[in-house]
Amino acid sequence: MAIIAAFDFPEVTRAQYEEAVDRLTGGAGLNAPSDWPVRGLVLHAAGPTPDGGWHVTDVWESREAFEHFAAVLMPILQEVGIPTAPPLICEAYNVVT
């Protein structure tokens, strides 16, 4: 079953987000779900929050796919200086692409 993972990163900058994406994708950027280092990403949306932080919402094909991604992501976030907190995770009732 697909899941939604929502991350709120207070005080994280666009530059930090872009650095994390560059490290995740080997500098190729994010142009398609297949650019991520693990398979299973359905949708990725990210943007600045009104309070000066950053928000990311992903949809993954399964919790297992997300957990594989998290194992790659967490060390990169630490290297870039992005504080980590557990995301809000819920089952996706409906996904439209």
C-alpha atoms as a PDB file:
ATOM      1  CA  MET A   1       0.000   0.000   0.000  1.00  0.00           C
ATOM      2  CA  ALA A   2       1.240   3.499  -0.850  1.00  0.00           C
ATOM      3  CA  ILE A   3       2.219   5.847   1.951  1.00  0.00           C
ATOM      4  CA  ILE A   4       2.565   9.601   2.355  1.00  0.00           C
ATOM      5  CA  ALA A   5       5.610  10.931   4.217  1.00  0.00           C
ATOM      6  CA  ALA A   6       5.470  14.601   5.213  1.00  0.00           C
ATOM      7  CA  PHE A   7       8.555  16.361   6.578  1.00  0.00           C
ATOM      8  CA  ASP A   8       8.700  19.788   8.202  1.00  0.00           C
ATOM      9  CA  PHE A   9      12.173  21.265   8.546  1.00  0.00           C
ATOM     10  CA  PRO A  10      12.128  24.527  10.552  1.00  0.00           C
ATOM     11  CA  GLU A  11      14.956  26.915   9.689  1.00  0.00           C
ATOM     12  CA  VAL A  12      16.176  24.824   6.751  1.00  0.00           C
ATOM     13  CA  THR A  13      17.155  26.803   3.671  1.00  0.00           C
ATOM     14  CA  ARG A  14      16.645  26.186  -0.008  1.00  0.00           C
ATOM     15  CA  ALA A  15      20.415  25.809  -0.351  1.00  0.00           C
ATOM     16  CA  GLN A  16      20.446  23.007   2.231  1.00  0.00           C
ATOM     17  CA  TYR A  17      17.555  21.278   0.459  1.00  0.00           C
ATOM     18  CA  GLU A  18      19.315  21.577  -2.912  1.00  0.00           C
ATOM     19  CA  GLU A  19      22.571  20.234  -1.424  1.00  0.00           C
ATOM     20  CA  ALA A  20      20.715  17.217  -0.029  1.00  0.00           C
ATOM     21  CA  VAL A  21      19.070  16.573  -3.421  1.00  0.00           C
ATOM     22  CA  ASP A  22      22.450  16.875  -5.172  1.00  0.00           C
ATOM     23  CA  ARG A  23      23.970  14.331  -2.800  1.00  0.00           C
ATOM     24  CA  LEU A  24      20.992  11.988  -3.174  1.00  0.00           C
ATOM     25  CA  THR A  25      21.086  12.115  -6.962  1.00  0.00           C
ATOM     26  CA  GLY A  26      24.835  12.364  -7.508  1.00  0.00           C
ATOM     27  CA  GLY A  27      24.424  15.924  -8.778  1.00  0.00           C
ATOM     28  CA  ALA A  28      21.891  14.968 -11.454  1.00  0.00           C
ATOM     29  CA  GLY A  29      19.055  16.833  -9.757  1.00  0.00           C
ATOM     30  CA  LEU A  30      15.511  15.610  -9.451  1.00  0.00           C
ATOM     31  CA  ASN A  31      13.710  15.463 -12.758  1.00  0.00           C
ATOM     32  CA  ALA A  32      11.854  12.151 -12.380  1.00  0.00           C
ATOM     33  CA  PRO A  33      11.136   9.656  -9.584  1.00  0.00           C
ATOM     34  CA  SER A  34      13.713   7.359 -11.174  1.00  0.00           C
ATOM     35  CA  ASP A  35      16.418   9.908 -10.262  1.00  0.00           C
ATOM     36  CA  TRP A  36      16.187   8.944  -6.560  1.00  0.00           C
ATOM     37  CA  PRO A  37      18.739   6.414  -5.302  1.00  0.00           C
ATOM     38  CA  VAL A  38      16.055   3.853  -4.442  1.00  0.00           C
ATOM     39  CA  ARG A  39      12.990   2.748  -6.368  1.00  0.00           C
ATOM     40  CA  GLY A  40       9.424   3.315  -5.272  1.00  0.00           C
ATOM     41  CA  LEU A  41       9.009   7.108  -5.234  1.00  0.00           C
ATOM     42  CA  VAL A  42       5.677   8.128  -6.755  1.00  0.00           C
ATOM     43  CA  LEU A  43       5.692  11.860  -6.030  1.00  0.00           C
ATOM     44  CA  HIS A  44       7.995  14.429  -4.430  1.00  0.00           C
ATOM     45  CA  ALA A  45       6.950  18.004  -3.639  1.00  0.00           C
ATOM     46  CA  ALA A  46       9.024  20.523  -1.676  1.00  0.00           C
ATOM     47  CA  GLY A  47       8.897  24.196  -0.906  1.00  0.00           C
ATOM     48  CA  PRO A  48       9.497  26.967   1.606  1.00  0.00           C
ATOM     49  CA  THR A  49       7.184  27.417   4.565  1.00  0.00           C
ATOM     50  CA  PRO A  50       5.817  30.795   5.713  1.00  0.00           C
ATOM     51  CA  ASP A  51       7.962  30.617   8.872  1.00  0.00           C
ATOM     52  CA  GLY A  52      11.233  30.317   6.955  1.00  0.00           C
ATOM     53  CA  GLY A  53      11.653  26.556   6.957  1.00  0.00           C
ATOM     54  CA  TRP A  54      11.162  23.894   4.328  1.00  0.00           C
ATOM     55  CA  HIS A  55       8.399  21.316   3.777  1.00  0.00           C
ATOM     56  CA  VAL A  56       8.648  18.059   1.821  1.00  0.00           C
ATOM     57  CA  THR A  57       5.860  15.638   0.996  1.00  0.00           C
ATOM     58  CA  ASP A  58       6.618  12.333  -0.692  1.00  0.00           C
ATOM     59  CA  VAL A  59       4.374   9.515  -1.822  1.00  0.00           C
ATOM     60  CA  TRP A  60       6.012   6.088  -1.856  1.00  0.00           C
ATOM     61  CA  GLU A  61       4.729   2.830  -3.340  1.00  0.00           C
ATOM     62  CA  SER A  62       5.173   1.126   0.044  1.00  0.00           C
ATOM     63  CA  ARG A  63       6.471   1.628   3.565  1.00  0.00           C
ATOM     64  CA  GLU A  64       9.365  -0.701   2.708  1.00  0.00           C
ATOM     65  CA  ALA A  65      10.446   1.498  -0.211  1.00  0.00           C
ATOM     66  CA  PHE A  66      10.337   4.552   2.046  1.00  0.00           C
ATOM     67  CA  GLU A  67      12.386   2.782   4.731  1.00  0.00           C
ATOM     68  CA  HIS A  68      15.073   1.923   2.152  1.00  0.00           C
ATOM     69  CA  PHE A  69      15.115   5.575   1.133  1.00  0.00           C
ATOM     70  CA  ALA A  70      15.280   6.772   4.752  1.00  0.00           C
ATOM     71  CA  ALA A  71      18.400   4.649   5.302  1.00  0.00           C
ATOM     72  CA  VAL A  72      20.099   6.601   2.492  1.00  0.00           C
ATOM     73  CA  LEU A  73      18.566   9.990   3.342  1.00  0.00           C
ATOM     74  CA  MET A  74      19.262  10.314   7.066  1.00  0.00           C
ATOM     75  CA  PRO A  75      23.088  10.340   6.869  1.00  0.00           C
ATOM     76  CA  ILE A  76      22.910  12.900   4.040  1.00  0.00           C
ATOM     77  CA  LEU A  77      20.643  15.182   6.054  1.00  0.00           C
ATOM     78  CA  GLN A  78      23.096  15.040   8.936  1.00  0.00           C
ATOM     79  CA  GLU A  79      26.033  15.849   6.624  1.00  0.00           C
ATOM     80  CA  VAL A  80      24.185  18.876   5.198  1.00  0.00           C
ATOM     81  CA  GLY A  81      23.211  20.120   8.663  1.00  0.00           C
ATOM     82  CA  ILE A  82      19.484  19.475   8.383  1.00  0.00           C
ATOM     83  CA  PRO A  83      18.054  18.481  11.764  1.00  0.00           C
ATOM     84  CA  THR A  84      15.982  15.345  11.507  1.00  0.00           C
ATOM     85  CA  ALA A  85      12.675  14.543  13.122  1.00  0.00           C
ATOM     86  CA  PRO A  86      10.390  11.657  12.259  1.00  0.00           C
ATOM     87  CA  PRO A  87       8.065  12.493   9.374  1.00  0.00           C
ATOM     88  CA  LEU A  88       4.318  12.197   9.563  1.00  0.00           C
ATOM     89  CA  ILE A  89       3.553   8.925   7.766  1.00  0.00           C
ATOM     90  CA  CYS A  90       0.097   7.792   6.757  1.00  0.00           C
ATOM     91  CA  GLU A  91      -1.408   5.343   4.314  1.00  0.00           C
ATOM     92  CA  ALA A  92      -2.432   6.935   1.046  1.00  0.00           C
ATOM     93  CA  TYR A  93      -6.135   6.569   0.434  1.00  0.00           C
ATOM     94  CA  ASN A  94      -5.997   8.098  -3.038  1.00  0.00           C
ATOM     95  CA  VAL A  95      -3.060   9.060  -5.271  1.00  0.00           C
ATOM     96  CA  VAL A  96      -3.650  10.869  -8.549  1.00  0.00           C
ATOM     97  CA  THR A  97      -0.696  11.499 -10.862  1.00  0.00           C
END
